[in-house]
């Protein structure tokens, strides 16, 4: 984390040593300006950062979570938060840059791991359901999956939930399985 001050009339910034380093510079190696900040903002995020800075004087406060490309060619995710200071004769803002790169990467890894685990957990039941549908409806495996995917989309039900219902029907001996599967898939 590092602090900054911004002179809104001149677009000149004063950065703490940490902000210089965050951007990949040695302290005081460059003269920080809004143009420099925007040049190091990821192109896909640049318009959002520009908009936050442009509206700052009227909003009183501003923030942005965006990516920067450092002078060392590293991509970082940062938060920029600041507030406008209204001192007589001085139009300025002050705030902080916070490096969120590690936190964002950790959260993304946790989410990916959970998604992969969930997929692995449901893969078996989906494969079983595909087999049941292929036999009952006399279709190829890919067509059996298409039946589930279509029912999933048409009725806003997760494929894994449909697959569980299909497998449950397959284990029942007391029902007409085809009719029960038609109800599960809401066919015809």
N, C-alpha and C. Protein backbone atom coordinates (compact mmCIF):
# COMPACT_ATOMS: atom_id res chain seq x y z
N UNK A 1 0.85 -1.17 0.00
CA UNK A 1 0.00 0.00 0.00
C UNK A 1 0.89 1.24 0.00
N UNK A 2 0.48 2.22 -0.74
CA UNK A 2 1.21 3.48 -0.76
C UNK A 2 0.24 4.64 -0.92
N UNK A 3 0.67 5.81 -0.51
CA UNK A 3 -0.21 6.97 -0.55
C UNK A 3 0.14 7.89 -1.73
N UNK A 4 -0.84 8.73 -2.08
CA UNK A 4 -0.63 9.71 -3.13
C UNK A 4 -1.37 10.99 -2.79
N UNK A 5 -0.94 12.05 -3.44
CA UNK A 5 -1.67 13.32 -3.47
C UNK A 5 -1.76 13.70 -4.93
N UNK A 6 -2.86 14.32 -5.29
CA UNK A 6 -3.09 14.70 -6.68
C UNK A 6 -3.53 16.15 -6.73
N UNK A 7 -2.83 16.96 -7.51
CA UNK A 7 -3.23 18.33 -7.77
C UNK A 7 -4.15 18.27 -8.99
N UNK A 8 -5.44 18.47 -8.78
CA UNK A 8 -6.42 18.31 -9.85
C UNK A 8 -6.26 19.34 -10.96
N UNK A 9 -5.76 20.51 -10.65
CA UNK A 9 -5.64 21.55 -11.68
C UNK A 9 -4.47 21.26 -12.63
N UNK A 10 -3.40 20.66 -12.13
CA UNK A 10 -2.23 20.40 -12.98
C UNK A 10 -2.10 18.93 -13.38
N UNK A 11 -2.92 18.05 -12.78
CA UNK A 11 -2.83 16.60 -13.00
C UNK A 11 -1.48 16.04 -12.57
N UNK A 12 -0.80 16.72 -11.66
CA UNK A 12 0.48 16.22 -11.12
C UNK A 12 0.20 15.46 -9.84
N UNK A 13 0.90 14.37 -9.69
CA UNK A 13 0.74 13.50 -8.54
C UNK A 13 2.00 13.55 -7.68
N UNK A 14 1.82 13.35 -6.42
CA UNK A 14 2.94 13.12 -5.50
C UNK A 14 2.73 11.72 -4.95
N UNK A 15 3.72 10.86 -5.18
CA UNK A 15 3.61 9.47 -4.75
C UNK A 15 4.54 9.19 -3.59
N UNK A 16 4.11 8.30 -2.72
CA UNK A 16 5.01 7.78 -1.71
C UNK A 16 5.97 6.81 -2.41
N UNK A 17 7.05 6.47 -1.72
CA UNK A 17 8.02 5.53 -2.31
C UNK A 17 7.35 4.22 -2.69
N UNK A 18 6.39 3.77 -1.89
CA UNK A 18 5.71 2.50 -2.16
C UNK A 18 4.93 2.55 -3.48
N UNK A 19 4.35 3.69 -3.82
CA UNK A 19 3.60 3.80 -5.08
C UNK A 19 4.55 3.77 -6.27
N UNK A 20 5.71 4.43 -6.15
CA UNK A 20 6.71 4.33 -7.22
C UNK A 20 7.07 2.86 -7.44
N UNK A 21 7.36 2.16 -6.36
CA UNK A 21 7.77 0.75 -6.47
C UNK A 21 6.63 -0.12 -7.01
N UNK A 22 5.41 0.18 -6.59
CA UNK A 22 4.25 -0.56 -7.08
C UNK A 22 4.16 -0.47 -8.60
N UNK A 23 4.49 0.69 -9.15
CA UNK A 23 4.44 0.90 -10.60
C UNK A 23 5.73 0.45 -11.29
N UNK A 24 6.68 -0.08 -10.53
CA UNK A 24 7.91 -0.61 -11.13
C UNK A 24 9.02 0.40 -11.28
N UNK A 25 8.94 1.50 -10.57
CA UNK A 25 9.96 2.56 -10.65
C UNK A 25 10.69 2.68 -9.31
N UNK A 26 11.88 3.20 -9.38
CA UNK A 26 12.58 3.61 -8.16
C UNK A 26 11.97 4.95 -7.73
N UNK A 27 11.97 5.24 -6.45
CA UNK A 27 11.40 6.52 -6.00
C UNK A 27 12.00 7.71 -6.76
N UNK A 28 11.10 8.54 -7.26
CA UNK A 28 11.43 9.80 -7.95
C UNK A 28 12.12 9.58 -9.31
N UNK A 29 12.04 8.36 -9.83
CA UNK A 29 12.62 8.07 -11.15
C UNK A 29 11.84 8.75 -12.27
N UNK A 30 10.54 8.93 -12.07
CA UNK A 30 9.68 9.58 -13.06
C UNK A 30 8.87 10.66 -12.35
N UNK A 31 8.25 11.52 -13.15
CA UNK A 31 7.35 12.53 -12.60
C UNK A 31 5.93 12.00 -12.77
N UNK A 32 5.26 11.67 -11.66
CA UNK A 32 3.91 11.09 -11.78
C UNK A 32 2.89 12.13 -12.25
N UNK A 33 2.17 11.76 -13.28
CA UNK A 33 1.08 12.58 -13.81
C UNK A 33 -0.11 11.66 -14.07
N UNK A 34 -1.25 12.24 -14.33
CA UNK A 34 -2.42 11.44 -14.69
C UNK A 34 -2.15 10.66 -15.96
N UNK A 35 -1.47 11.27 -16.92
CA UNK A 35 -1.12 10.55 -18.16
C UNK A 35 -0.27 9.31 -17.86
N UNK A 36 0.68 9.44 -16.93
CA UNK A 36 1.51 8.29 -16.56
C UNK A 36 0.67 7.21 -15.87
N UNK A 37 -0.20 7.62 -14.96
CA UNK A 37 -1.09 6.66 -14.29
C UNK A 37 -1.91 5.91 -15.33
N UNK A 38 -2.49 6.63 -16.27
CA UNK A 38 -3.32 5.99 -17.29
C UNK A 38 -2.48 5.13 -18.24
N UNK A 39 -1.26 5.55 -18.53
CA UNK A 39 -0.39 4.75 -19.41
C UNK A 39 -0.06 3.41 -18.78
N UNK A 40 -0.01 3.35 -17.46
CA UNK A 40 0.30 2.10 -16.78
C UNK A 40 -0.95 1.33 -16.37
N UNK A 41 -2.12 1.88 -16.68
CA UNK A 41 -3.37 1.17 -16.42
C UNK A 41 -3.61 0.20 -17.57
N UNK A 42 -4.03 -1.01 -17.27
CA UNK A 42 -4.32 -2.00 -18.31
C UNK A 42 -5.30 -1.39 -19.30
N UNK A 43 -5.08 -1.56 -20.61
CA UNK A 43 -5.95 -0.94 -21.61
C UNK A 43 -7.44 -1.26 -21.41
N UNK A 44 -7.76 -2.45 -20.97
CA UNK A 44 -9.16 -2.81 -20.78
C UNK A 44 -9.79 -2.09 -19.59
N UNK A 45 -8.97 -1.58 -18.68
CA UNK A 45 -9.47 -0.90 -17.49
C UNK A 45 -9.32 0.62 -17.54
N UNK A 46 -8.64 1.11 -18.55
CA UNK A 46 -8.26 2.52 -18.62
C UNK A 46 -9.46 3.47 -18.59
N UNK A 47 -10.52 3.16 -19.34
CA UNK A 47 -11.68 4.07 -19.38
C UNK A 47 -12.34 4.19 -18.00
N UNK A 48 -12.39 3.08 -17.25
CA UNK A 48 -13.00 3.13 -15.91
C UNK A 48 -12.18 3.99 -14.96
N UNK A 49 -10.86 3.88 -15.03
CA UNK A 49 -9.99 4.69 -14.17
C UNK A 49 -10.11 6.15 -14.56
N UNK A 50 -10.09 6.42 -15.86
CA UNK A 50 -10.23 7.80 -16.33
C UNK A 50 -11.55 8.40 -15.83
N UNK A 51 -12.63 7.63 -15.92
CA UNK A 51 -13.94 8.11 -15.48
C UNK A 51 -13.94 8.40 -13.97
N UNK A 52 -13.31 7.53 -13.18
CA UNK A 52 -13.24 7.75 -11.73
C UNK A 52 -12.50 9.05 -11.43
N UNK A 53 -11.42 9.31 -12.15
CA UNK A 53 -10.64 10.53 -11.90
C UNK A 53 -11.37 11.78 -12.38
N UNK A 54 -12.07 11.67 -13.51
CA UNK A 54 -12.79 12.82 -14.05
C UNK A 54 -13.94 13.23 -13.14
N UNK A 55 -14.62 12.24 -12.56
CA UNK A 55 -15.78 12.56 -11.71
C UNK A 55 -15.38 12.88 -10.27
N UNK A 56 -14.12 12.69 -9.92
CA UNK A 56 -13.67 12.90 -8.54
C UNK A 56 -14.02 14.29 -8.00
N UNK A 57 -13.78 15.37 -8.73
CA UNK A 57 -14.06 16.70 -8.15
C UNK A 57 -15.51 16.89 -7.75
N UNK A 58 -16.44 16.33 -8.49
CA UNK A 58 -17.85 16.51 -8.15
C UNK A 58 -18.35 15.43 -7.19
N UNK A 59 -17.74 14.26 -7.24
CA UNK A 59 -18.17 13.16 -6.39
C UNK A 59 -17.63 13.29 -4.97
N UNK A 60 -16.49 13.90 -4.83
CA UNK A 60 -15.89 14.05 -3.51
C UNK A 60 -15.00 12.88 -3.12
N UNK A 61 -15.28 11.73 -3.65
CA UNK A 61 -14.47 10.54 -3.39
C UNK A 61 -14.46 9.69 -4.66
N UNK A 62 -13.46 8.86 -4.77
CA UNK A 62 -13.38 8.01 -5.96
C UNK A 62 -12.65 6.72 -5.60
N UNK A 63 -12.91 5.71 -6.41
CA UNK A 63 -12.23 4.43 -6.22
C UNK A 63 -12.27 3.65 -7.52
N UNK A 64 -11.33 2.74 -7.62
CA UNK A 64 -11.28 1.86 -8.78
C UNK A 64 -10.47 0.63 -8.41
N UNK A 65 -10.95 -0.51 -8.82
CA UNK A 65 -10.15 -1.73 -8.75
C UNK A 65 -9.83 -2.06 -10.20
N UNK A 66 -8.55 -2.09 -10.50
CA UNK A 66 -8.13 -2.29 -11.89
C UNK A 66 -6.75 -2.91 -11.94
N UNK A 67 -6.34 -3.24 -13.15
CA UNK A 67 -5.00 -3.80 -13.35
C UNK A 67 -4.06 -2.71 -13.83
N UNK A 68 -2.82 -2.83 -13.39
CA UNK A 68 -1.78 -1.96 -13.92
C UNK A 68 -0.70 -2.82 -14.55
N UNK A 69 0.02 -2.24 -15.48
CA UNK A 69 1.17 -2.88 -16.10
C UNK A 69 2.37 -2.07 -15.65
N UNK A 70 3.22 -2.69 -14.85
CA UNK A 70 4.34 -1.95 -14.26
C UNK A 70 5.42 -1.69 -15.31
N UNK A 71 6.34 -0.83 -14.94
CA UNK A 71 7.48 -0.55 -15.82
C UNK A 71 8.32 -1.80 -16.04
N UNK A 72 8.18 -2.79 -15.16
CA UNK A 72 8.91 -4.06 -15.27
C UNK A 72 8.08 -5.13 -15.98
N UNK A 73 6.95 -4.71 -16.59
CA UNK A 73 6.07 -5.58 -17.37
C UNK A 73 5.31 -6.61 -16.53
N UNK A 74 5.09 -6.31 -15.27
CA UNK A 74 4.26 -7.18 -14.42
C UNK A 74 2.84 -6.63 -14.42
N UNK A 75 1.88 -7.54 -14.43
CA UNK A 75 0.48 -7.12 -14.30
C UNK A 75 0.06 -7.31 -12.85
N UNK A 76 -0.44 -6.23 -12.26
CA UNK A 76 -0.90 -6.26 -10.88
C UNK A 76 -2.35 -5.81 -10.82
N UNK A 77 -3.07 -6.29 -9.83
CA UNK A 77 -4.42 -5.81 -9.57
C UNK A 77 -4.33 -4.87 -8.38
N UNK A 78 -4.82 -3.65 -8.56
CA UNK A 78 -4.72 -2.65 -7.51
C UNK A 78 -6.08 -2.02 -7.24
N UNK A 79 -6.20 -1.45 -6.05
CA UNK A 79 -7.34 -0.60 -5.73
C UNK A 79 -6.78 0.81 -5.58
N UNK A 80 -7.46 1.75 -6.17
CA UNK A 80 -7.14 3.17 -6.05
C UNK A 80 -8.31 3.79 -5.31
N UNK A 81 -8.06 4.37 -4.15
CA UNK A 81 -9.12 5.02 -3.38
C UNK A 81 -8.65 6.40 -2.97
N UNK A 82 -9.54 7.35 -3.07
CA UNK A 82 -9.15 8.71 -2.72
C UNK A 82 -10.34 9.59 -2.43
N UNK A 83 -10.04 10.75 -1.89
CA UNK A 83 -11.08 11.74 -1.63
C UNK A 83 -10.54 13.11 -2.01
N UNK A 84 -11.46 13.96 -2.40
CA UNK A 84 -11.11 15.31 -2.81
C UNK A 84 -11.00 16.19 -1.57
N UNK A 85 -9.94 16.98 -1.54
CA UNK A 85 -9.72 17.92 -0.44
C UNK A 85 -10.08 19.30 -0.94
N UNK A 86 -10.90 19.99 -0.21
CA UNK A 86 -11.27 21.33 -0.65
C UNK A 86 -10.67 22.37 0.29
N UNK A 87 -9.41 22.66 0.03
CA UNK A 87 -8.73 23.73 0.76
C UNK A 87 -8.85 25.00 -0.09
N UNK A 88 -9.02 26.15 0.52
CA UNK A 88 -9.08 27.38 -0.26
C UNK A 88 -7.82 27.53 -1.12
N UNK A 89 -8.04 27.74 -2.41
CA UNK A 89 -6.92 27.96 -3.32
C UNK A 89 -6.22 26.68 -3.76
N UNK A 90 -6.70 25.53 -3.35
CA UNK A 90 -6.05 24.27 -3.73
C UNK A 90 -7.10 23.24 -4.08
N UNK A 91 -7.03 22.78 -5.31
CA UNK A 91 -7.91 21.71 -5.77
C UNK A 91 -7.10 20.43 -5.76
N UNK A 92 -7.36 19.56 -4.81
CA UNK A 92 -6.54 18.37 -4.72
C UNK A 92 -7.29 17.17 -4.21
N UNK A 93 -6.61 16.05 -4.29
CA UNK A 93 -7.15 14.80 -3.78
C UNK A 93 -6.01 14.03 -3.13
N UNK A 94 -6.37 13.13 -2.27
CA UNK A 94 -5.38 12.28 -1.62
C UNK A 94 -5.98 10.91 -1.42
N UNK A 95 -5.10 9.92 -1.35
CA UNK A 95 -5.61 8.58 -1.14
C UNK A 95 -4.51 7.54 -1.18
N UNK A 96 -4.90 6.34 -1.59
CA UNK A 96 -3.99 5.21 -1.53
C UNK A 96 -4.11 4.31 -2.76
N UNK A 97 -2.99 3.70 -3.11
CA UNK A 97 -2.96 2.57 -4.03
C UNK A 97 -2.74 1.34 -3.16
N UNK A 98 -3.53 0.30 -3.35
CA UNK A 98 -3.36 -0.94 -2.60
C UNK A 98 -3.13 -2.07 -3.60
N UNK A 99 -2.12 -2.86 -3.37
CA UNK A 99 -1.82 -4.01 -4.24
C UNK A 99 -2.69 -5.19 -3.79
N UNK A 100 -3.64 -5.57 -4.64
CA UNK A 100 -4.57 -6.66 -4.34
C UNK A 100 -4.19 -7.95 -5.07
N UNK A 101 -3.07 -7.96 -5.77
CA UNK A 101 -2.71 -9.06 -6.65
C UNK A 101 -2.75 -10.41 -5.94
N UNK A 102 -2.10 -10.52 -4.81
CA UNK A 102 -2.06 -11.81 -4.10
C UNK A 102 -3.44 -12.22 -3.62
N UNK A 103 -4.19 -11.28 -3.07
CA UNK A 103 -5.53 -11.60 -2.57
C UNK A 103 -6.44 -12.06 -3.70
N UNK A 104 -6.37 -11.38 -4.84
CA UNK A 104 -7.20 -11.76 -5.99
C UNK A 104 -6.78 -13.13 -6.51
N UNK A 105 -5.48 -13.38 -6.60
CA UNK A 105 -4.99 -14.67 -7.07
C UNK A 105 -5.41 -15.79 -6.13
N UNK A 106 -5.31 -15.56 -4.82
CA UNK A 106 -5.72 -16.58 -3.84
C UNK A 106 -7.20 -16.88 -3.96
N UNK A 107 -8.01 -15.84 -4.08
CA UNK A 107 -9.46 -16.05 -4.20
C UNK A 107 -9.79 -16.79 -5.50
N UNK A 108 -9.11 -16.43 -6.59
CA UNK A 108 -9.35 -17.11 -7.87
C UNK A 108 -8.94 -18.58 -7.78
N UNK A 109 -7.82 -18.87 -7.12
CA UNK A 109 -7.37 -20.26 -6.97
C UNK A 109 -8.35 -21.05 -6.11
N UNK A 110 -8.84 -20.44 -5.03
CA UNK A 110 -9.82 -21.12 -4.18
C UNK A 110 -11.09 -21.42 -4.96
N UNK A 111 -11.54 -20.44 -5.75
CA UNK A 111 -12.77 -20.62 -6.55
C UNK A 111 -12.57 -21.70 -7.60
N UNK A 112 -11.43 -21.67 -8.28
CA UNK A 112 -11.15 -22.68 -9.30
C UNK A 112 -11.09 -24.07 -8.68
N UNK A 113 -10.44 -24.18 -7.54
CA UNK A 113 -10.34 -25.47 -6.86
C UNK A 113 -11.73 -25.98 -6.47
N UNK A 114 -12.55 -25.10 -5.94
CA UNK A 114 -13.91 -25.50 -5.55
C UNK A 114 -14.73 -25.91 -6.77
N UNK A 115 -14.58 -25.17 -7.87
CA UNK A 115 -15.31 -25.51 -9.09
C UNK A 115 -14.85 -26.85 -9.66
N UNK A 116 -13.55 -27.08 -9.64
CA UNK A 116 -13.02 -28.35 -10.14
C UNK A 116 -13.50 -29.51 -9.27
N UNK A 117 -13.48 -29.30 -7.96
CA UNK A 117 -13.94 -30.34 -7.04
C UNK A 117 -15.42 -30.62 -7.25
N UNK A 118 -16.21 -29.57 -7.43
CA UNK A 118 -17.64 -29.76 -7.67
C UNK A 118 -17.89 -30.51 -8.97
N UNK A 119 -17.11 -30.17 -10.00
CA UNK A 119 -17.26 -30.86 -11.28
C UNK A 119 -16.89 -32.33 -11.15
N UNK A 120 -15.82 -32.61 -10.44
CA UNK A 120 -15.38 -34.00 -10.26
C UNK A 120 -16.43 -34.78 -9.47
N UNK A 121 -17.04 -34.13 -8.49
CA UNK A 121 -18.05 -34.79 -7.67
C UNK A 121 -19.28 -35.14 -8.49
N UNK A 122 -19.66 -34.29 -9.42
CA UNK A 122 -20.88 -34.52 -10.19
C UNK A 122 -20.64 -35.26 -11.50
N UNK A 123 -19.39 -35.39 -11.91
CA UNK A 123 -19.11 -36.03 -13.19
C UNK A 123 -19.65 -37.46 -13.23
N UNK A 124 -19.48 -38.20 -12.14
CA UNK A 124 -19.93 -39.59 -12.11
C UNK A 124 -21.42 -39.73 -12.32
N UNK A 125 -22.21 -38.92 -11.59
CA UNK A 125 -23.66 -39.02 -11.72
C UNK A 125 -24.11 -38.57 -13.11
N UNK A 126 -23.43 -37.61 -13.69
CA UNK A 126 -23.79 -37.17 -15.04
C UNK A 126 -23.51 -38.28 -16.05
N UNK A 127 -22.37 -38.95 -15.89
CA UNK A 127 -22.05 -40.07 -16.79
C UNK A 127 -23.07 -41.18 -16.64
N UNK A 128 -23.49 -41.50 -15.41
CA UNK A 128 -24.52 -42.52 -15.19
C UNK A 128 -25.82 -42.12 -15.86
N UNK A 129 -26.21 -40.86 -15.69
CA UNK A 129 -27.46 -40.39 -16.27
C UNK A 129 -27.42 -40.46 -17.79
N UNK A 130 -26.28 -40.12 -18.37
CA UNK A 130 -26.16 -40.22 -19.83
C UNK A 130 -26.40 -41.67 -20.28
N UNK A 131 -25.83 -42.62 -19.54
CA UNK A 131 -26.01 -44.03 -19.88
C UNK A 131 -27.47 -44.46 -19.76
N UNK A 132 -28.14 -44.02 -18.68
CA UNK A 132 -29.55 -44.36 -18.49
C UNK A 132 -30.38 -43.81 -19.65
N UNK A 133 -30.18 -42.55 -19.98
CA UNK A 133 -30.97 -41.94 -21.06
C UNK A 133 -30.66 -42.59 -22.41
N UNK A 134 -29.40 -42.94 -22.64
CA UNK A 134 -29.04 -43.59 -23.90
C UNK A 134 -29.78 -44.92 -24.06
N UNK A 135 -29.89 -45.68 -22.99
CA UNK A 135 -30.57 -46.97 -23.05
C UNK A 135 -32.08 -46.79 -23.17
N UNK A 136 -32.66 -45.96 -22.30
CA UNK A 136 -34.12 -45.79 -22.27
C UNK A 136 -34.65 -45.16 -23.56
N UNK A 137 -33.95 -44.16 -24.08
CA UNK A 137 -34.42 -43.47 -25.28
C UNK A 137 -33.78 -44.00 -26.56
N UNK A 138 -32.88 -44.98 -26.43
CA UNK A 138 -32.21 -45.59 -27.57
C UNK A 138 -31.51 -44.52 -28.43
N UNK A 139 -30.64 -43.75 -27.75
CA UNK A 139 -29.88 -42.69 -28.44
C UNK A 139 -28.40 -42.85 -28.12
N UNK A 140 -27.57 -42.15 -28.85
CA UNK A 140 -26.13 -42.13 -28.58
C UNK A 140 -25.86 -41.34 -27.30
N UNK A 141 -24.69 -41.57 -26.70
CA UNK A 141 -24.32 -40.91 -25.44
C UNK A 141 -24.35 -39.38 -25.58
N UNK A 142 -23.81 -38.87 -26.69
CA UNK A 142 -23.81 -37.40 -26.88
C UNK A 142 -25.23 -36.86 -26.97
N UNK A 143 -26.12 -37.62 -27.61
CA UNK A 143 -27.52 -37.19 -27.71
C UNK A 143 -28.20 -37.24 -26.34
N UNK A 144 -27.81 -38.22 -25.52
CA UNK A 144 -28.36 -38.31 -24.17
C UNK A 144 -27.98 -37.07 -23.37
N UNK A 145 -26.72 -36.64 -23.50
CA UNK A 145 -26.31 -35.43 -22.79
C UNK A 145 -27.06 -34.22 -23.33
N UNK A 146 -27.28 -34.17 -24.64
CA UNK A 146 -28.04 -33.05 -25.22
C UNK A 146 -29.45 -32.99 -24.64
N UNK A 147 -30.06 -34.16 -24.37
CA UNK A 147 -31.39 -34.17 -23.74
C UNK A 147 -31.35 -33.47 -22.38
N UNK A 148 -30.33 -33.83 -21.59
CA UNK A 148 -30.21 -33.19 -20.27
C UNK A 148 -29.91 -31.70 -20.39
N UNK A 149 -29.00 -31.34 -21.30
CA UNK A 149 -28.63 -29.94 -21.45
C UNK A 149 -29.83 -29.11 -21.90
N UNK A 150 -30.62 -29.65 -22.83
CA UNK A 150 -31.81 -28.93 -23.30
C UNK A 150 -32.81 -28.76 -22.17
N UNK A 151 -33.05 -29.82 -21.41
CA UNK A 151 -33.98 -29.72 -20.27
C UNK A 151 -33.44 -28.73 -19.24
N UNK A 152 -32.13 -28.75 -19.02
CA UNK A 152 -31.51 -27.82 -18.08
C UNK A 152 -31.76 -26.38 -18.51
N UNK A 153 -31.52 -26.10 -19.78
CA UNK A 153 -31.72 -24.73 -20.29
C UNK A 153 -33.19 -24.33 -20.31
N UNK A 154 -34.05 -25.25 -20.75
CA UNK A 154 -35.47 -24.94 -20.87
C UNK A 154 -36.14 -24.69 -19.52
N UNK A 155 -35.66 -25.39 -18.48
CA UNK A 155 -36.35 -25.33 -17.20
C UNK A 155 -35.50 -24.73 -16.08
N UNK A 156 -34.34 -24.19 -16.47
CA UNK A 156 -33.46 -23.52 -15.51
C UNK A 156 -33.14 -24.40 -14.31
N UNK A 157 -32.72 -25.63 -14.63
CA UNK A 157 -32.32 -26.60 -13.61
C UNK A 157 -30.90 -27.03 -13.94
N UNK A 158 -30.04 -27.10 -12.96
CA UNK A 158 -28.65 -27.50 -13.19
C UNK A 158 -28.60 -28.92 -13.75
N UNK A 159 -27.68 -29.16 -14.68
CA UNK A 159 -27.53 -30.49 -15.28
C UNK A 159 -27.27 -31.53 -14.20
N UNK A 160 -26.45 -31.19 -13.21
CA UNK A 160 -26.14 -32.16 -12.15
C UNK A 160 -27.40 -32.55 -11.38
N UNK A 161 -28.33 -31.62 -11.19
CA UNK A 161 -29.58 -31.93 -10.49
C UNK A 161 -30.47 -32.82 -11.35
N UNK A 162 -30.53 -32.55 -12.64
CA UNK A 162 -31.29 -33.43 -13.55
C UNK A 162 -30.66 -34.81 -13.57
N UNK A 163 -29.35 -34.87 -13.60
CA UNK A 163 -28.66 -36.16 -13.65
C UNK A 163 -29.00 -36.99 -12.41
N UNK A 164 -29.00 -36.34 -11.24
CA UNK A 164 -29.36 -37.07 -10.01
C UNK A 164 -30.78 -37.61 -10.09
N UNK A 165 -31.70 -36.80 -10.62
CA UNK A 165 -33.09 -37.25 -10.75
C UNK A 165 -33.20 -38.41 -11.73
N UNK A 166 -32.45 -38.37 -12.82
CA UNK A 166 -32.45 -39.46 -13.81
C UNK A 166 -31.94 -40.74 -13.17
N UNK A 167 -30.85 -40.66 -12.44
CA UNK A 167 -30.28 -41.84 -11.78
C UNK A 167 -31.26 -42.37 -10.73
N UNK A 168 -31.92 -41.49 -10.00
CA UNK A 168 -32.92 -41.93 -9.01
C UNK A 168 -34.04 -42.72 -9.69
N UNK A 169 -34.50 -42.24 -10.83
CA UNK A 169 -35.54 -42.96 -11.58
C UNK A 169 -35.02 -44.33 -12.01
N UNK A 170 -33.79 -44.39 -12.45
CA UNK A 170 -33.22 -45.66 -12.92
C UNK A 170 -33.20 -46.70 -11.82
N UNK A 171 -33.07 -46.28 -10.56
CA UNK A 171 -33.03 -47.22 -9.43
C UNK A 171 -34.42 -47.65 -8.96
N UNK A 172 -35.44 -47.02 -9.46
CA UNK A 172 -36.80 -47.37 -9.02
C UNK A 172 -37.32 -48.53 -9.86
N UNK A 173 -37.99 -49.45 -9.19
CA UNK A 173 -38.55 -50.62 -9.87
C UNK A 173 -40.07 -50.50 -10.02
N UNK A 174 -40.64 -49.57 -9.30
CA UNK A 174 -42.10 -49.48 -9.22
C UNK A 174 -42.71 -48.49 -10.20
N UNK A 175 -41.93 -47.98 -11.17
CA UNK A 175 -42.47 -46.97 -12.09
C UNK A 175 -42.15 -47.35 -13.53
N UNK A 176 -42.92 -46.78 -14.41
CA UNK A 176 -42.60 -46.86 -15.84
C UNK A 176 -41.45 -45.87 -16.04
N UNK A 177 -40.25 -46.38 -16.21
CA UNK A 177 -39.07 -45.52 -16.23
C UNK A 177 -39.13 -44.48 -17.34
N UNK A 178 -39.57 -44.87 -18.51
CA UNK A 178 -39.63 -43.90 -19.61
C UNK A 178 -40.58 -42.75 -19.28
N UNK A 179 -41.74 -43.06 -18.75
CA UNK A 179 -42.70 -42.01 -18.39
C UNK A 179 -42.13 -41.14 -17.27
N UNK A 180 -41.46 -41.77 -16.31
CA UNK A 180 -40.87 -41.00 -15.21
C UNK A 180 -39.75 -40.10 -15.72
N UNK A 181 -38.95 -40.61 -16.65
CA UNK A 181 -37.88 -39.78 -17.23
C UNK A 181 -38.47 -38.66 -18.07
N UNK A 182 -39.58 -38.93 -18.77
CA UNK A 182 -40.24 -37.85 -19.53
C UNK A 182 -40.64 -36.73 -18.57
N UNK A 183 -41.12 -37.10 -17.39
CA UNK A 183 -41.52 -36.07 -16.40
C UNK A 183 -40.29 -35.34 -15.88
N UNK A 184 -39.21 -36.05 -15.61
CA UNK A 184 -37.99 -35.42 -15.11
C UNK A 184 -37.47 -34.41 -16.14
N UNK A 185 -37.48 -34.84 -17.40
CA UNK A 185 -36.97 -33.97 -18.47
C UNK A 185 -38.05 -33.02 -19.00
N UNK A 186 -39.28 -33.22 -18.51
CA UNK A 186 -40.45 -32.42 -18.92
C UNK A 186 -40.60 -32.44 -20.43
N UNK A 187 -40.57 -33.66 -20.95
CA UNK A 187 -40.72 -33.85 -22.40
C UNK A 187 -42.16 -34.13 -22.74
N UNK A 188 -42.51 -33.74 -23.94
CA UNK A 188 -43.78 -34.10 -24.54
C UNK A 188 -44.91 -33.72 -23.74
